[in-house]
Amino acid sequence: MKQRTFHGGDLNKATSLFEYGLLVRYVPNVKSWQCVYKSGTNRYSYGWISEIALNEIFTKDWGKKHLKVFMENCCSYWDEWVLFPMQHKIDDFIAYFGSLELFGEDYSGGYTAKEICRKLHLKFDIDYEQA
């Protein structure tokens, strides 16, 4: 699925980001997923991951030794999970391992709720700073 706009676990982008902590979109020219994720208390960052790279964490990299427990945590089997929508797989990964393991450290410090709303063209609500 090729998405030019961000989407998440909820139809409402603000809910997806501020309650669930993740928005994603597929960028065809780089064949990768751009993600906006919660990176700390009231901080949001951008990260990139391709589907191939995410899968290879578990087939060729450090995730191999964690695969069984990770799949149990996801209540799934690898053959099923690998077919899930990418947004779902990224969300599962972050929920279990954390965003740092997927995207690395954001040395810029990320963006505030107000700044990320401006960048994503979302109407800012003061409650987003409490999320």
N, C-alpha and C. Protein backbone atom coordinates (compact mmCIF):
# COMPACT_ATOMS: atom_id res chain seq x y z
N MET A 1 0.85 -1.17 0.00
CA MET A 1 0.00 0.00 0.00
C MET A 1 0.90 1.24 0.00
N LYS A 2 0.64 2.14 -0.92
CA LYS A 2 1.44 3.36 -1.00
C LYS A 2 0.62 4.53 -0.47
N GLN A 3 1.11 5.14 0.58
CA GLN A 3 0.41 6.25 1.21
C GLN A 3 1.24 7.51 1.07
N ARG A 4 0.61 8.56 0.60
CA ARG A 4 1.31 9.83 0.49
C ARG A 4 1.03 10.73 1.70
N THR A 5 0.02 10.37 2.46
CA THR A 5 -0.27 11.12 3.67
C THR A 5 -0.11 10.20 4.88
N PHE A 6 0.15 10.81 6.01
CA PHE A 6 0.34 10.02 7.23
C PHE A 6 -0.96 9.38 7.66
N HIS A 7 -0.86 8.20 8.25
CA HIS A 7 -2.00 7.52 8.85
C HIS A 7 -1.49 6.73 10.06
N GLY A 8 -2.44 6.28 10.87
CA GLY A 8 -2.04 5.57 12.08
C GLY A 8 -3.08 4.55 12.49
N GLY A 9 -3.04 4.18 13.75
CA GLY A 9 -3.94 3.17 14.29
C GLY A 9 -5.37 3.65 14.45
N ASP A 10 -5.61 4.93 14.30
CA ASP A 10 -6.94 5.52 14.40
C ASP A 10 -7.16 6.35 13.13
N LEU A 11 -8.40 6.52 12.74
CA LEU A 11 -8.69 7.35 11.56
C LEU A 11 -8.26 8.79 11.77
N ASN A 12 -8.30 9.25 13.01
CA ASN A 12 -7.91 10.61 13.34
C ASN A 12 -6.39 10.65 13.55
N LYS A 13 -5.69 11.47 12.76
CA LYS A 13 -4.23 11.53 12.86
C LYS A 13 -3.76 12.00 14.23
N ALA A 14 -4.45 12.98 14.80
CA ALA A 14 -4.04 13.49 16.12
C ALA A 14 -4.18 12.39 17.17
N THR A 15 -5.26 11.64 17.12
CA THR A 15 -5.45 10.54 18.07
C THR A 15 -4.35 9.50 17.88
N SER A 16 -4.05 9.17 16.63
CA SER A 16 -3.00 8.19 16.36
C SER A 16 -1.67 8.61 16.95
N LEU A 17 -1.32 9.88 16.78
CA LEU A 17 -0.02 10.34 17.27
C LEU A 17 -0.02 10.57 18.78
N PHE A 18 -1.00 11.29 19.28
CA PHE A 18 -0.94 11.71 20.68
C PHE A 18 -1.46 10.67 21.67
N GLU A 19 -2.27 9.72 21.21
CA GLU A 19 -2.71 8.65 22.11
C GLU A 19 -1.95 7.35 21.88
N TYR A 20 -1.68 7.03 20.62
CA TYR A 20 -1.00 5.77 20.29
C TYR A 20 0.49 5.95 20.00
N GLY A 21 0.92 7.18 19.73
CA GLY A 21 2.34 7.48 19.59
C GLY A 21 2.98 7.19 18.24
N LEU A 22 2.16 7.04 17.16
CA LEU A 22 2.78 6.70 15.88
C LEU A 22 1.91 7.12 14.69
N LEU A 23 2.55 7.74 13.71
CA LEU A 23 1.97 7.98 12.39
C LEU A 23 2.99 7.47 11.37
N VAL A 24 2.50 6.92 10.26
CA VAL A 24 3.40 6.42 9.21
C VAL A 24 2.88 6.82 7.84
N ARG A 25 3.81 6.85 6.88
CA ARG A 25 3.42 6.99 5.47
C ARG A 25 4.51 6.35 4.62
N TYR A 26 4.08 5.76 3.52
CA TYR A 26 5.02 5.15 2.60
C TYR A 26 5.50 6.20 1.62
N VAL A 27 6.80 6.27 1.41
CA VAL A 27 7.39 7.22 0.47
C VAL A 27 7.98 6.39 -0.68
N PRO A 28 7.27 6.34 -1.81
CA PRO A 28 7.65 5.43 -2.89
C PRO A 28 9.05 5.65 -3.46
N ASN A 29 9.47 6.89 -3.61
CA ASN A 29 10.77 7.11 -4.25
C ASN A 29 11.96 6.64 -3.41
N VAL A 30 11.76 6.45 -2.10
CA VAL A 30 12.83 5.88 -1.27
C VAL A 30 12.48 4.47 -0.79
N LYS A 31 11.31 3.98 -1.20
CA LYS A 31 10.86 2.63 -0.86
C LYS A 31 10.98 2.36 0.63
N SER A 32 10.52 3.32 1.41
CA SER A 32 10.65 3.24 2.85
C SER A 32 9.47 3.94 3.51
N TRP A 33 9.32 3.68 4.79
CA TRP A 33 8.23 4.27 5.58
C TRP A 33 8.79 5.39 6.44
N GLN A 34 8.18 6.56 6.32
CA GLN A 34 8.53 7.68 7.19
C GLN A 34 7.59 7.62 8.38
N CYS A 35 8.15 7.71 9.56
CA CYS A 35 7.36 7.58 10.79
C CYS A 35 7.52 8.83 11.64
N VAL A 36 6.44 9.23 12.27
CA VAL A 36 6.47 10.24 13.32
C VAL A 36 6.07 9.49 14.58
N TYR A 37 6.91 9.53 15.59
CA TYR A 37 6.68 8.72 16.78
C TYR A 37 6.99 9.52 18.04
N LYS A 38 6.40 9.07 19.13
CA LYS A 38 6.66 9.69 20.43
C LYS A 38 8.06 9.25 20.87
N SER A 39 8.93 10.23 21.10
CA SER A 39 10.32 9.91 21.42
C SER A 39 10.72 10.27 22.84
N GLY A 40 9.78 10.76 23.60
CA GLY A 40 10.05 11.14 24.98
C GLY A 40 8.85 11.88 25.53
N THR A 41 8.98 12.37 26.74
CA THR A 41 7.88 13.12 27.33
C THR A 41 7.64 14.39 26.54
N ASN A 42 6.47 14.46 25.92
CA ASN A 42 6.08 15.61 25.10
C ASN A 42 7.07 15.90 23.97
N ARG A 43 7.72 14.87 23.43
CA ARG A 43 8.65 15.03 22.31
C ARG A 43 8.29 14.03 21.21
N TYR A 44 8.42 14.48 19.97
CA TYR A 44 8.07 13.68 18.81
C TYR A 44 9.18 13.78 17.78
N SER A 45 9.48 12.67 17.12
CA SER A 45 10.60 12.63 16.18
C SER A 45 10.18 11.93 14.89
N TYR A 46 11.02 12.10 13.87
CA TYR A 46 10.86 11.41 12.59
C TYR A 46 11.85 10.27 12.51
N GLY A 47 11.45 9.19 11.86
CA GLY A 47 12.35 8.09 11.61
C GLY A 47 11.96 7.39 10.32
N TRP A 48 12.87 6.61 9.79
CA TRP A 48 12.64 5.89 8.54
C TRP A 48 12.93 4.41 8.73
N ILE A 49 12.11 3.55 8.10
CA ILE A 49 12.37 2.11 8.11
C ILE A 49 11.74 1.50 6.86
N SER A 50 12.46 0.60 6.23
CA SER A 50 11.87 -0.14 5.11
C SER A 50 11.33 -1.46 5.64
N GLU A 51 10.40 -2.02 4.91
CA GLU A 51 9.83 -3.30 5.34
C GLU A 51 10.91 -4.39 5.34
N ILE A 52 11.78 -4.34 4.36
CA ILE A 52 12.87 -5.32 4.29
C ILE A 52 13.78 -5.20 5.51
N ALA A 53 14.15 -3.98 5.87
CA ALA A 53 15.04 -3.76 7.03
C ALA A 53 14.38 -4.23 8.32
N LEU A 54 13.08 -3.95 8.48
CA LEU A 54 12.39 -4.38 9.70
C LEU A 54 12.37 -5.91 9.78
N ASN A 55 12.02 -6.56 8.69
CA ASN A 55 11.98 -8.03 8.69
C ASN A 55 13.37 -8.62 8.94
N GLU A 56 14.40 -8.00 8.37
CA GLU A 56 15.76 -8.53 8.53
C GLU A 56 16.30 -8.41 9.95
N ILE A 57 15.74 -7.50 10.74
CA ILE A 57 16.13 -7.45 12.16
C ILE A 57 15.88 -8.81 12.79
N PHE A 58 14.78 -9.46 12.38
CA PHE A 58 14.41 -10.76 12.96
C PHE A 58 14.97 -11.96 12.20
N THR A 59 15.34 -11.77 10.94
CA THR A 59 15.83 -12.92 10.17
C THR A 59 17.35 -12.97 10.07
N LYS A 60 18.02 -11.80 10.18
CA LYS A 60 19.47 -11.77 9.97
C LYS A 60 20.24 -11.00 11.04
N ASP A 61 19.55 -10.37 11.97
CA ASP A 61 20.24 -9.45 12.88
C ASP A 61 19.94 -9.83 14.33
N TRP A 62 20.11 -8.85 15.22
CA TRP A 62 20.01 -9.07 16.66
C TRP A 62 18.64 -9.58 17.09
N GLY A 63 17.60 -9.33 16.32
CA GLY A 63 16.26 -9.74 16.70
C GLY A 63 16.00 -11.23 16.60
N LYS A 64 16.89 -11.96 15.92
CA LYS A 64 16.71 -13.41 15.78
C LYS A 64 16.53 -14.09 17.13
N LYS A 65 17.36 -13.69 18.09
CA LYS A 65 17.31 -14.35 19.40
C LYS A 65 16.09 -13.92 20.22
N HIS A 66 15.41 -12.87 19.79
CA HIS A 66 14.23 -12.38 20.51
C HIS A 66 12.92 -12.73 19.80
N LEU A 67 13.00 -13.36 18.64
CA LEU A 67 11.82 -13.57 17.80
C LEU A 67 10.72 -14.35 18.50
N LYS A 68 11.05 -15.45 19.14
CA LYS A 68 10.04 -16.30 19.77
C LYS A 68 9.25 -15.52 20.83
N VAL A 69 9.95 -14.84 21.71
CA VAL A 69 9.29 -14.09 22.79
C VAL A 69 8.52 -12.90 22.21
N PHE A 70 9.08 -12.25 21.20
CA PHE A 70 8.39 -11.13 20.56
C PHE A 70 7.08 -11.59 19.93
N MET A 71 7.11 -12.72 19.23
CA MET A 71 5.89 -13.24 18.60
C MET A 71 4.86 -13.63 19.65
N GLU A 72 5.31 -14.20 20.76
CA GLU A 72 4.38 -14.52 21.85
C GLU A 72 3.74 -13.24 22.38
N ASN A 73 4.54 -12.19 22.52
CA ASN A 73 4.02 -10.91 22.99
C ASN A 73 2.99 -10.34 22.01
N CYS A 74 3.20 -10.55 20.72
CA CYS A 74 2.28 -10.06 19.69
C CYS A 74 1.10 -10.99 19.47
N CYS A 75 1.10 -12.15 20.17
CA CYS A 75 0.05 -13.16 19.99
C CYS A 75 -0.07 -13.56 18.53
N SER A 76 1.07 -13.81 17.91
CA SER A 76 1.09 -14.13 16.49
C SER A 76 2.22 -15.10 16.19
N TYR A 77 2.25 -15.56 14.96
CA TYR A 77 3.34 -16.37 14.43
C TYR A 77 4.05 -15.55 13.36
N TRP A 78 5.34 -15.82 13.15
CA TRP A 78 6.12 -15.06 12.18
C TRP A 78 5.45 -15.05 10.81
N ASP A 79 4.99 -16.21 10.34
CA ASP A 79 4.38 -16.30 9.01
C ASP A 79 3.14 -15.42 8.87
N GLU A 80 2.45 -15.17 9.98
CA GLU A 80 1.29 -14.26 9.97
C GLU A 80 1.76 -12.82 10.11
N TRP A 81 2.62 -12.59 11.09
CA TRP A 81 3.04 -11.22 11.43
C TRP A 81 3.71 -10.53 10.26
N VAL A 82 4.52 -11.26 9.51
CA VAL A 82 5.25 -10.67 8.39
C VAL A 82 4.30 -10.14 7.31
N LEU A 83 3.06 -10.60 7.29
CA LEU A 83 2.06 -10.15 6.32
C LEU A 83 1.20 -9.00 6.84
N PHE A 84 1.33 -8.66 8.10
CA PHE A 84 0.55 -7.56 8.67
C PHE A 84 0.89 -6.25 7.96
N PRO A 85 -0.03 -5.26 8.00
CA PRO A 85 0.30 -3.93 7.48
C PRO A 85 1.52 -3.36 8.21
N MET A 86 2.32 -2.62 7.50
CA MET A 86 3.57 -2.10 8.06
C MET A 86 3.33 -1.25 9.30
N GLN A 87 2.31 -0.43 9.30
CA GLN A 87 2.01 0.40 10.48
C GLN A 87 1.83 -0.48 11.71
N HIS A 88 1.15 -1.59 11.54
CA HIS A 88 0.91 -2.53 12.64
C HIS A 88 2.23 -3.13 13.13
N LYS A 89 3.10 -3.51 12.19
CA LYS A 89 4.38 -4.12 12.56
C LYS A 89 5.30 -3.12 13.27
N ILE A 90 5.33 -1.89 12.79
CA ILE A 90 6.14 -0.86 13.44
C ILE A 90 5.63 -0.61 14.85
N ASP A 91 4.31 -0.53 14.98
CA ASP A 91 3.70 -0.31 16.29
C ASP A 91 4.05 -1.45 17.25
N ASP A 92 3.94 -2.69 16.79
CA ASP A 92 4.30 -3.84 17.62
C ASP A 92 5.77 -3.76 18.05
N PHE A 93 6.64 -3.44 17.11
CA PHE A 93 8.07 -3.37 17.40
C PHE A 93 8.36 -2.31 18.46
N ILE A 94 7.81 -1.12 18.27
CA ILE A 94 8.05 -0.03 19.23
C ILE A 94 7.47 -0.36 20.59
N ALA A 95 6.28 -0.96 20.61
CA ALA A 95 5.66 -1.31 21.89
C ALA A 95 6.53 -2.30 22.68
N TYR A 96 7.21 -3.20 21.99
CA TYR A 96 8.00 -4.21 22.68
C TYR A 96 9.45 -3.77 22.93
N PHE A 97 10.11 -3.25 21.90
CA PHE A 97 11.54 -2.92 22.00
C PHE A 97 11.81 -1.44 22.26
N GLY A 98 10.86 -0.57 21.89
CA GLY A 98 11.06 0.87 22.03
C GLY A 98 11.53 1.50 20.72
N SER A 99 11.27 2.77 20.57
CA SER A 99 11.62 3.48 19.34
C SER A 99 13.13 3.61 19.16
N LEU A 100 13.86 3.68 20.25
CA LEU A 100 15.32 3.81 20.18
C LEU A 100 15.95 2.63 19.42
N GLU A 101 15.43 1.43 19.64
CA GLU A 101 15.97 0.23 18.97
C GLU A 101 15.68 0.23 17.48
N LEU A 102 14.62 0.92 17.07
CA LEU A 102 14.26 0.94 15.65
C LEU A 102 14.88 2.12 14.91
N PHE A 103 14.82 3.30 15.52
CA PHE A 103 15.24 4.51 14.83
C PHE A 103 16.55 5.10 15.34
N GLY A 104 17.03 4.63 16.46
CA GLY A 104 18.23 5.21 17.05
C GLY A 104 17.90 6.48 17.81
N GLU A 105 18.92 7.12 18.31
CA GLU A 105 18.77 8.35 19.10
C GLU A 105 18.48 9.54 18.19
N ASP A 106 17.52 10.37 18.59
CA ASP A 106 17.26 11.63 17.87
C ASP A 106 18.04 12.72 18.59
N TYR A 107 19.21 13.03 18.06
CA TYR A 107 20.09 13.99 18.72
C TYR A 107 19.59 15.42 18.60
N SER A 108 18.58 15.65 17.77
CA SER A 108 18.01 17.00 17.67
C SER A 108 17.12 17.31 18.87
N GLY A 109 16.71 16.28 19.59
CA GLY A 109 15.81 16.47 20.72
C GLY A 109 14.35 16.34 20.35
N GLY A 110 14.05 16.23 19.06
CA GLY A 110 12.67 16.07 18.63
C GLY A 110 11.90 17.38 18.62
N TYR A 111 10.59 17.25 18.49
CA TYR A 111 9.69 18.41 18.39
C TYR A 111 8.68 18.37 19.52
N THR A 112 8.23 19.54 19.93
CA THR A 112 7.14 19.63 20.91
C THR A 112 5.84 19.27 20.21
N ALA A 113 4.78 19.07 20.98
CA ALA A 113 3.47 18.78 20.40
C ALA A 113 3.03 19.91 19.47
N LYS A 114 3.26 21.13 19.87
CA LYS A 114 2.87 22.28 19.05
C LYS A 114 3.66 22.31 17.74
N GLU A 115 4.96 22.05 17.82
CA GLU A 115 5.81 22.06 16.62
C GLU A 115 5.43 20.94 15.65
N ILE A 116 5.16 19.75 16.18
CA ILE A 116 4.82 18.64 15.29
C ILE A 116 3.45 18.85 14.66
N CYS A 117 2.53 19.47 15.39
CA CYS A 117 1.22 19.80 14.80
C CYS A 117 1.40 20.75 13.62
N ARG A 118 2.24 21.74 13.79
CA ARG A 118 2.49 22.70 12.72
C ARG A 118 3.08 21.99 11.50
N LYS A 119 4.05 21.11 11.72
CA LYS A 119 4.68 20.39 10.61
C LYS A 119 3.71 19.46 9.89
N LEU A 120 2.79 18.85 10.63
CA LEU A 120 1.84 17.89 10.06
C LEU A 120 0.52 18.53 9.65
N HIS A 121 0.40 19.84 9.85
CA HIS A 121 -0.84 20.57 9.53
C HIS A 121 -2.03 20.03 10.32
N LEU A 122 -1.80 19.78 11.60
CA LEU A 122 -2.86 19.36 12.51
C LEU A 122 -3.22 20.54 13.39
N LYS A 123 -4.50 20.65 13.72
CA LYS A 123 -4.92 21.71 14.63
C LYS A 123 -4.41 21.37 16.03
N PHE A 124 -3.65 22.28 16.61
CA PHE A 124 -3.07 22.06 17.94
C PHE A 124 -4.13 22.19 19.02
N ASP A 125 -4.04 21.32 20.01
CA ASP A 125 -4.90 21.36 21.19
C ASP A 125 -3.96 21.28 22.39
N ILE A 126 -4.16 22.12 23.37
CA ILE A 126 -3.29 22.16 24.56
C ILE A 126 -3.22 20.79 25.25
N ASP A 127 -4.29 19.98 25.12
CA ASP A 127 -4.31 18.65 25.72
C ASP A 127 -3.24 17.73 25.12
N TYR A 128 -2.79 18.01 23.90
CA TYR A 128 -1.76 17.18 23.28
C TYR A 128 -0.46 17.22 24.07
N GLU A 129 -0.23 18.32 24.77
CA GLU A 129 0.99 18.42 25.57
C GLU A 129 0.94 17.54 26.81
N GLN A 130 -0.25 17.07 27.16
CA GLN A 130 -0.41 16.19 28.32
C GLN A 130 -0.32 14.72 27.93
N ALA A 131 -0.33 14.45 26.63
CA ALA A 131 -0.35 13.05 26.14
C ALA A 131 0.94 12.32 26.44
